[in-house]
PDB file of all heavy atoms in Angstrom:
ATOM      1  N   LEU A   1    -113.389  49.014  73.400  1.00  0.00           N
ATOM      2  CA  LEU A   1    -112.794  49.924  72.440  1.00  0.00           C
ATOM      3  C   LEU A   1    -111.825  49.177  71.535  1.00  0.00           C
ATOM      4  O   LEU A   1    -111.162  48.226  71.973  1.00  0.00           O
ATOM      5  CB  LEU A   1    -112.046  51.047  73.150  1.00  0.00           C
ATOM      6  CG  LEU A   1    -112.824  51.858  74.190  1.00  0.00           C
ATOM      7  CD1 LEU A   1    -111.936  52.964  74.754  1.00  0.00           C
ATOM      8  CD2 LEU A   1    -114.094  52.424  73.608  1.00  0.00           C
ATOM      9  N   SER A   2    -111.751  49.629  70.293  1.00  0.00           N
ATOM     10  CA  SER A   2    -110.804  49.068  69.339  1.00  0.00           C
ATOM     11  C   SER A   2    -109.977  50.191  68.740  1.00  0.00           C
ATOM     12  O   SER A   2    -110.447  51.324  68.607  1.00  0.00           O
ATOM     13  CB  SER A   2    -111.544  48.340  68.215  1.00  0.00           C
ATOM     14  OG  SER A   2    -112.333  47.297  68.708  1.00  0.00           O
ATOM     15  N   CYS A   3    -108.761  49.867  68.387  1.00  0.00           N
ATOM     16  CA  CYS A   3    -107.887  50.835  67.727  1.00  0.00           C
ATOM     17  C   CYS A   3    -107.080  50.100  66.668  1.00  0.00           C
ATOM     18  O   CYS A   3    -106.333  49.170  66.988  1.00  0.00           O
ATOM     19  CB  CYS A   3    -106.961  51.492  68.731  1.00  0.00           C
ATOM     20  SG  CYS A   3    -105.673  52.514  67.977  1.00  0.00           S
ATOM     21  N   ALA A   4    -107.249  50.514  65.434  1.00  0.00           N
ATOM     22  CA  ALA A   4    -106.537  49.890  64.328  1.00  0.00           C
ATOM     23  C   ALA A   4    -105.498  50.861  63.782  1.00  0.00           C
ATOM     24  O   ALA A   4    -105.810  52.025  63.514  1.00  0.00           O
ATOM     25  CB  ALA A   4    -107.518  49.501  63.231  1.00  0.00           C
ATOM     26  N   ALA A   5    -104.298  50.367  63.617  1.00  0.00           N
ATOM     27  CA  ALA A   5    -103.210  51.170  63.053  1.00  0.00           C
ATOM     28  C   ALA A   5    -103.051  50.832  61.575  1.00  0.00           C
ATOM     29  O   ALA A   5    -103.150  49.672  61.178  1.00  0.00           O
ATOM     30  CB  ALA A   5    -101.917  50.902  63.794  1.00  0.00           C
ATOM     31  N   SER A   6    -102.808  51.859  60.784  1.00  0.00           N
ATOM     32  CA  SER A   6    -102.581  51.652  59.355  1.00  0.00           C
ATOM     33  C   SER A   6    -101.540  52.655  58.866  1.00  0.00           C
ATOM     34  O   SER A   6    -101.209  53.611  59.549  1.00  0.00           O
ATOM     35  CB  SER A   6    -103.882  51.819  58.571  1.00  0.00           C
ATOM     36  OG  SER A   6    -104.385  53.135  58.707  1.00  0.00           O
ATOM     37  N   GLY A   7    -101.041  52.384  57.680  1.00  0.00           N
ATOM     38  CA  GLY A   7    -100.038  53.288  57.112  1.00  0.00           C
ATOM     39  C   GLY A   7     -98.683  52.618  57.043  1.00  0.00           C
ATOM     40  O   GLY A   7     -98.572  51.414  56.838  1.00  0.00           O
ATOM     41  N   SER A   8     -97.655  53.401  57.235  1.00  0.00           N
ATOM     42  CA  SER A   8     -96.274  52.905  57.130  1.00  0.00           C
ATOM     43  C   SER A   8     -95.851  52.273  58.455  1.00  0.00           C
ATOM     44  O   SER A   8     -95.122  52.860  59.246  1.00  0.00           O
ATOM     45  CB  SER A   8     -95.339  54.048  56.751  1.00  0.00           C
ATOM     46  OG  SER A   8     -95.731  54.634  55.530  1.00  0.00           O
ATOM     47  N   ILE A   9     -96.307  51.058  58.651  1.00  0.00           N
ATOM     48  CA  ILE A   9     -96.063  50.369  59.920  1.00  0.00           C
ATOM     49  C   ILE A   9     -94.906  49.417  59.767  1.00  0.00           C
ATOM     50  O   ILE A   9     -94.893  48.574  58.873  1.00  0.00           O
ATOM     51  CB  ILE A   9     -97.324  49.607  60.359  1.00  0.00           C
ATOM     52  CG1 ILE A   9     -98.467  50.587  60.615  1.00  0.00           C
ATOM     53  CG2 ILE A   9     -97.038  48.794  61.621  1.00  0.00           C
ATOM     54  CD1 ILE A   9     -99.790  49.907  60.824  1.00  0.00           C
ATOM     55  N   PHE A  10     -93.920  49.537  60.651  1.00  0.00           N
ATOM     56  CA  PHE A  10     -92.782  48.620  60.634  1.00  0.00           C
ATOM     57  C   PHE A  10     -92.836  47.688  61.837  1.00  0.00           C
ATOM     58  O   PHE A  10     -92.946  46.480  61.704  1.00  0.00           O
ATOM     59  CB  PHE A  10     -91.475  49.400  60.604  1.00  0.00           C
ATOM     60  CG  PHE A  10     -91.298  50.210  59.367  1.00  0.00           C
ATOM     61  CD1 PHE A  10     -91.565  51.568  59.347  1.00  0.00           C
ATOM     62  CD2 PHE A  10     -90.891  49.605  58.196  1.00  0.00           C
ATOM     63  CE1 PHE A  10     -91.421  52.310  58.188  1.00  0.00           C
ATOM     64  CE2 PHE A  10     -90.740  50.331  57.031  1.00  0.00           C
ATOM     65  CZ  PHE A  10     -91.011  51.688  57.035  1.00  0.00           C
ATOM     66  N   SER A  11     -92.763  48.243  62.997  1.00  0.00           N
ATOM     67  CA  SER A  11     -92.816  47.423  64.202  1.00  0.00           C
ATOM     68  C   SER A  11     -93.341  48.288  65.338  1.00  0.00           C
ATOM     69  O   SER A  11     -92.630  49.166  65.832  1.00  0.00           O
ATOM     70  CB  SER A  11     -91.435  46.867  64.540  1.00  0.00           C
ATOM     71  OG  SER A  11     -91.482  46.138  65.756  1.00  0.00           O
ATOM     72  N   ILE A  12     -94.561  48.034  65.717  1.00  0.00           N
ATOM     73  CA  ILE A  12     -95.144  48.802  66.818  1.00  0.00           C
ATOM     74  C   ILE A  12     -94.777  48.119  68.130  1.00  0.00           C
ATOM     75  O   ILE A  12     -95.213  47.009  68.403  1.00  0.00           O
ATOM     76  CB  ILE A  12     -96.666  48.912  66.671  1.00  0.00           C
ATOM     77  CG1 ILE A  12     -97.024  49.605  65.359  1.00  0.00           C
ATOM     78  CG2 ILE A  12     -97.246  49.677  67.854  1.00  0.00           C
ATOM     79  CD1 ILE A  12     -98.517  49.727  65.114  1.00  0.00           C
ATOM     80  N   VAL A  13     -93.973  48.805  68.912  1.00  0.00           N
ATOM     81  CA  VAL A  13     -93.469  48.214  70.150  1.00  0.00           C
ATOM     82  C   VAL A  13     -94.552  48.203  71.226  1.00  0.00           C
ATOM     83  O   VAL A  13     -94.745  47.217  71.927  1.00  0.00           O
ATOM     84  CB  VAL A  13     -92.242  48.997  70.644  1.00  0.00           C
ATOM     85  CG1 VAL A  13     -91.747  48.436  71.977  1.00  0.00           C
ATOM     86  CG2 VAL A  13     -91.127  48.950  69.605  1.00  0.00           C
ATOM     87  N   ILE A  14     -95.244  49.323  71.336  1.00  0.00           N
ATOM     88  CA  ILE A  14     -96.258  49.458  72.383  1.00  0.00           C
ATOM     89  C   ILE A  14     -97.544  50.000  71.758  1.00  0.00           C
ATOM     90  O   ILE A  14     -97.510  50.905  70.936  1.00  0.00           O
ATOM     91  CB  ILE A  14     -95.800  50.427  73.489  1.00  0.00           C
ATOM     92  CG1 ILE A  14     -94.557  49.891  74.197  1.00  0.00           C
ATOM     93  CG2 ILE A  14     -96.913  50.675  74.507  1.00  0.00           C
ATOM     94  CD1 ILE A  14     -93.934  50.872  75.168  1.00  0.00           C
ATOM     95  N   MET A  15     -98.649  49.427  72.150  1.00  0.00           N
ATOM     96  CA  MET A  15     -99.959  50.001  71.839  1.00  0.00           C
ATOM     97  C   MET A  15    -100.722  50.112  73.146  1.00  0.00           C
ATOM     98  O   MET A  15    -100.646  49.210  73.992  1.00  0.00           O
ATOM     99  CB  MET A  15    -100.740  49.150  70.837  1.00  0.00           C
ATOM    100  CG  MET A  15    -100.145  49.122  69.450  1.00  0.00           C
ATOM    101  SD  MET A  15    -101.238  48.387  68.215  1.00  0.00           S
ATOM    102  CE  MET A  15    -102.340  49.763  67.868  1.00  0.00           C
ATOM    103  N   GLY A  16    -101.419  51.200  73.299  1.00  0.00           N
ATOM    104  CA  GLY A  16    -102.115  51.375  74.558  1.00  0.00           C
ATOM    105  C   GLY A  16    -103.180  52.430  74.500  1.00  0.00           C
ATOM    106  O   GLY A  16    -103.540  52.921  73.415  1.00  0.00           O
ATOM    107  N   TRP A  17    -103.680  52.771  75.679  1.00  0.00           N
ATOM    108  CA  TRP A  17    -104.784  53.710  75.805  1.00  0.00           C
ATOM    109  C   TRP A  17    -104.498  54.737  76.889  1.00  0.00           C
ATOM    110  O   TRP A  17    -103.951  54.400  77.947  1.00  0.00           O
ATOM    111  CB  TRP A  17    -106.070  52.956  76.151  1.00  0.00           C
ATOM    112  CG  TRP A  17    -106.513  52.021  75.078  1.00  0.00           C
ATOM    113  CD1 TRP A  17    -106.168  50.712  74.935  1.00  0.00           C
ATOM    114  CD2 TRP A  17    -107.382  52.342  73.985  1.00  0.00           C
ATOM    115  NE1 TRP A  17    -106.766  50.191  73.814  1.00  0.00           N
ATOM    116  CE2 TRP A  17    -107.519  51.166  73.219  1.00  0.00           C
ATOM    117  CE3 TRP A  17    -108.065  53.486  73.575  1.00  0.00           C
ATOM    118  CZ2 TRP A  17    -108.312  51.114  72.065  1.00  0.00           C
ATOM    119  CZ3 TRP A  17    -108.849  53.434  72.435  1.00  0.00           C
ATOM    120  CH2 TRP A  17    -108.958  52.260  71.704  1.00  0.00           C
ATOM    121  N   TYR A  18    -104.901  55.941  76.604  1.00  0.00           N
ATOM    122  CA  TYR A  18    -104.894  57.031  77.568  1.00  0.00           C
ATOM    123  C   TYR A  18    -106.293  57.631  77.574  1.00  0.00           C
ATOM    124  O   TYR A  18    -107.089  57.368  76.661  1.00  0.00           O
ATOM    125  CB  TYR A  18    -103.873  58.102  77.169  1.00  0.00           C
ATOM    126  CG  TYR A  18    -102.443  57.686  77.371  1.00  0.00           C
ATOM    127  CD1 TYR A  18    -101.847  56.717  76.569  1.00  0.00           C
ATOM    128  CD2 TYR A  18    -101.664  58.268  78.373  1.00  0.00           C
ATOM    129  CE1 TYR A  18    -100.531  56.330  76.764  1.00  0.00           C
ATOM    130  CE2 TYR A  18    -100.340  57.896  78.570  1.00  0.00           C
ATOM    131  CZ  TYR A  18     -99.787  56.927  77.761  1.00  0.00           C
ATOM    132  OH  TYR A  18     -98.475  56.553  77.959  1.00  0.00           O
ATOM    133  N   ARG A  19    -106.573  58.442  78.572  1.00  0.00           N
ATOM    134  CA  ARG A  19    -107.873  59.108  78.609  1.00  0.00           C
ATOM    135  C   ARG A  19    -107.735  60.507  79.180  1.00  0.00           C
ATOM    136  O   ARG A  19    -106.819  60.793  79.937  1.00  0.00           O
ATOM    137  CB  ARG A  19    -108.886  58.298  79.416  1.00  0.00           C
ATOM    138  CG  ARG A  19    -108.585  58.198  80.904  1.00  0.00           C
ATOM    139  CD  ARG A  19    -109.569  57.246  81.573  1.00  0.00           C
ATOM    140  NE  ARG A  19    -109.328  57.149  83.017  1.00  0.00           N
ATOM    141  CZ  ARG A  19    -109.957  56.304  83.813  1.00  0.00           C
ATOM    142  NH1 ARG A  19    -110.858  55.448  83.315  1.00  0.00           N
ATOM    143  NH2 ARG A  19    -109.698  56.296  85.107  1.00  0.00           N
ATOM    144  N   GLN A  20    -108.697  61.342  78.797  1.00  0.00           N
ATOM    145  CA  GLN A  20    -108.702  62.709  79.290  1.00  0.00           C
ATOM    146  C   GLN A  20    -110.127  63.107  79.626  1.00  0.00           C
ATOM    147  O   GLN A  20    -110.997  63.160  78.743  1.00  0.00           O
ATOM    148  CB  GLN A  20    -108.112  63.675  78.260  1.00  0.00           C
ATOM    149  CG  GLN A  20    -107.935  65.082  78.783  1.00  0.00           C
ATOM    150  CD  GLN A  20    -107.068  65.937  77.878  1.00  0.00           C
ATOM    151  OE1 GLN A  20    -106.848  65.608  76.715  1.00  0.00           O
ATOM    152  NE2 GLN A  20    -106.542  67.028  78.418  1.00  0.00           N
ATOM    153  N   ALA A  21    -110.343  63.370  80.900  1.00  0.00           N
ATOM    154  CA  ALA A  21    -111.645  63.829  81.371  1.00  0.00           C
ATOM    155  C   ALA A  21    -111.700  65.352  81.284  1.00  0.00           C
ATOM    156  O   ALA A  21    -110.655  66.019  81.285  1.00  0.00           O
ATOM    157  CB  ALA A  21    -111.874  63.365  82.804  1.00  0.00           C
ATOM    158  N   PRO A  22    -112.892  65.918  81.234  1.00  0.00           N
ATOM    159  CA  PRO A  22    -113.013  67.380  81.149  1.00  0.00           C
ATOM    160  C   PRO A  22    -112.288  68.073  82.297  1.00  0.00           C
ATOM    161  O   PRO A  22    -112.449  67.704  83.465  1.00  0.00           O
ATOM    162  CB  PRO A  22    -114.527  67.606  81.242  1.00  0.00           C
ATOM    163  CG  PRO A  22    -115.131  66.349  80.738  1.00  0.00           C
ATOM    164  CD  PRO A  22    -114.203  65.258  81.178  1.00  0.00           C
ATOM    165  N   GLY A  23    -111.457  69.034  81.961  1.00  0.00           N
ATOM    166  CA  GLY A  23    -110.738  69.805  82.962  1.00  0.00           C
ATOM    167  C   GLY A  23    -109.546  69.107  83.587  1.00  0.00           C
ATOM    168  O   GLY A  23    -108.943  69.622  84.525  1.00  0.00           O
ATOM    169  N   LYS A  24    -109.216  67.919  83.076  1.00  0.00           N
ATOM    170  CA  LYS A  24    -108.097  67.156  83.630  1.00  0.00           C
ATOM    171  C   LYS A  24    -107.062  66.875  82.556  1.00  0.00           C
ATOM    172  O   LYS A  24    -107.341  66.955  81.363  1.00  0.00           O
ATOM    173  CB  LYS A  24    -108.587  65.848  84.241  1.00  0.00           C
ATOM    174  CG  LYS A  24    -109.491  66.025  85.444  1.00  0.00           C
ATOM    175  CD  LYS A  24    -109.792  64.697  86.109  1.00  0.00           C
ATOM    176  CE  LYS A  24    -110.626  64.882  87.363  1.00  0.00           C
ATOM    177  NZ  LYS A  24    -110.898  63.578  88.031  1.00  0.00           N
ATOM    178  N   GLN A  25    -105.868  66.498  83.015  1.00  0.00           N
ATOM    179  CA  GLN A  25    -104.812  66.149  82.079  1.00  0.00           C
ATOM    180  C   GLN A  25    -105.016  64.734  81.555  1.00  0.00           C
ATOM    181  O   GLN A  25    -105.674  63.895  82.193  1.00  0.00           O
ATOM    182  CB  GLN A  25    -103.451  66.249  82.778  1.00  0.00           C
ATOM    183  CG  GLN A  25    -103.027  67.677  83.108  1.00  0.00           C
ATOM    184  CD  GLN A  25    -101.596  67.753  83.595  1.00  0.00           C
ATOM    185  OE1 GLN A  25    -101.064  66.782  84.141  1.00  0.00           O
ATOM    186  NE2 GLN A  25    -100.954  68.885  83.380  1.00  0.00           N
ATOM    187  N   ARG A  26    -104.446  64.480  80.404  1.00  0.00           N
ATOM    188  CA  ARG A  26    -104.499  63.135  79.840  1.00  0.00           C
ATOM    189  C   ARG A  26    -103.734  62.192  80.764  1.00  0.00           C
ATOM    190  O   ARG A  26    -102.647  62.516  81.248  1.00  0.00           O
ATOM    191  CB  ARG A  26    -103.882  63.126  78.444  1.00  0.00           C
ATOM    192  CG  ARG A  26    -104.118  61.847  77.677  1.00  0.00           C
ATOM    193  CD  ARG A  26    -103.609  61.967  76.240  1.00  0.00           C
ATOM    194  NE  ARG A  26    -104.337  62.990  75.484  1.00  0.00           N
ATOM    195  CZ  ARG A  26    -104.205  63.146  74.177  1.00  0.00           C
ATOM    196  NH1 ARG A  26    -103.385  62.354  73.478  1.00  0.00           N
ATOM    197  NH2 ARG A  26    -104.871  64.096  73.565  1.00  0.00           N
ATOM    198  N   GLU A  27    -104.312  61.015  81.002  1.00  0.00           N
ATOM    199  CA  GLU A  27    -103.674  60.054  81.893  1.00  0.00           C
ATOM    200  C   GLU A  27    -103.580  58.675  81.252  1.00  0.00           C
ATOM    201  O   GLU A  27    -104.401  58.293  80.413  1.00  0.00           O
ATOM    202  CB  GLU A  27    -104.447  59.952  83.220  1.00  0.00           C
ATOM    203  CG  GLU A  27    -105.858  59.409  83.087  1.00  0.00           C
ATOM    204  CD  GLU A  27    -106.554  59.240  84.428  1.00  0.00           C
ATOM    205  OE1 GLU A  27    -106.003  59.656  85.467  1.00  0.00           O
ATOM    206  OE2 GLU A  27    -107.666  58.675  84.443  1.00  0.00           O
ATOM    207  N   PHE A  28    -102.605  57.938  81.692  1.00  0.00           N
ATOM    208  CA  PHE A  28    -102.379  56.571  81.212  1.00  0.00           C
ATOM    209  C   PHE A  28    -103.482  55.654  81.709  1.00  0.00           C
ATOM    210  O   PHE A  28    -103.928  55.751  82.857  1.00  0.00           O
ATOM    211  CB  PHE A  28    -101.017  56.088  81.718  1.00  0.00           C
ATOM    212  CG  PHE A  28    -100.795  54.614  81.587  1.00  0.00           C
ATOM    213  CD1 PHE A  28    -100.535  54.046  80.351  1.00  0.00           C
ATOM    214  CD2 PHE A  28    -100.865  53.784  82.701  1.00  0.00           C
ATOM    215  CE1 PHE A  28    -100.334  52.683  80.226  1.00  0.00           C
ATOM    216  CE2 PHE A  28    -100.665  52.432  82.594  1.00  0.00           C
ATOM    217  CZ  PHE A  28    -100.394  51.871  81.353  1.00  0.00           C
ATOM    218  N   VAL A  29    -103.912  54.732  80.836  1.00  0.00           N
ATOM    219  CA  VAL A  29    -104.916  53.738  81.213  1.00  0.00           C
ATOM    220  C   VAL A  29    -104.331  52.326  81.170  1.00  0.00           C
ATOM    221  O   VAL A  29    -104.350  51.600  82.155  1.00  0.00           O
ATOM    222  CB  VAL A  29    -106.148  53.805  80.297  1.00  0.00           C
ATOM    223  CG1 VAL A  29    -107.147  52.704  80.641  1.00  0.00           C
ATOM    224  CG2 VAL A  29    -106.807  55.176  80.380  1.00  0.00           C
ATOM    225  N   ALA A  30    -103.797  51.941  80.004  1.00  0.00           N
ATOM    226  CA  ALA A  30    -103.295  50.574  79.849  1.00  0.00           C
ATOM    227  C   ALA A  30    -102.398  50.509  78.630  1.00  0.00           C
ATOM    228  O   ALA A  30    -102.513  51.320  77.709  1.00  0.00           O
ATOM    229  CB  ALA A  30    -104.454  49.586  79.702  1.00  0.00           C
ATOM    230  N   LEU A  31    -101.503  49.512  78.631  1.00  0.00           N
ATOM    231  CA  LEU A  31    -100.657  49.291  77.471  1.00  0.00           C
ATOM    232  C   LEU A  31    -100.370  47.810  77.282  1.00  0.00           C
ATOM    233  O   LEU A  31    -100.478  47.010  78.219  1.00  0.00           O
ATOM    234  CB  LEU A  31     -99.351  50.083  77.577  1.00  0.00           C
ATOM    235  CG  LEU A  31     -98.341  49.711  78.665  1.00  0.00           C
ATOM    236  CD1 LEU A  31     -97.474  48.512  78.266  1.00  0.00           C
ATOM    237  CD2 LEU A  31     -97.420  50.903  78.923  1.00  0.00           C
ATOM    238  N   SER A  32     -99.991  47.495  76.058  1.00  0.00           N
ATOM    239  CA  SER A  32     -99.589  46.128  75.720  1.00  0.00           C
ATOM    240  C   SER A  32     -98.358  46.216  74.835  1.00  0.00           C
ATOM    241  O   SER A  32     -98.349  46.968  73.856  1.00  0.00           O
ATOM    242  CB  SER A  32    -100.722  45.413  74.978  1.00  0.00           C
ATOM    243  OG  SER A  32    -100.295  44.159  74.515  1.00  0.00           O
TER     244      SER A  32
END
């Protein structure tokens, strides 16, 4: 997976991923 940020970007401290399966709450996957 890829995620590109654009717009008014100054300093992104954390970028990461979460996921949400059907019928479940969104959960943390990974961060950098």
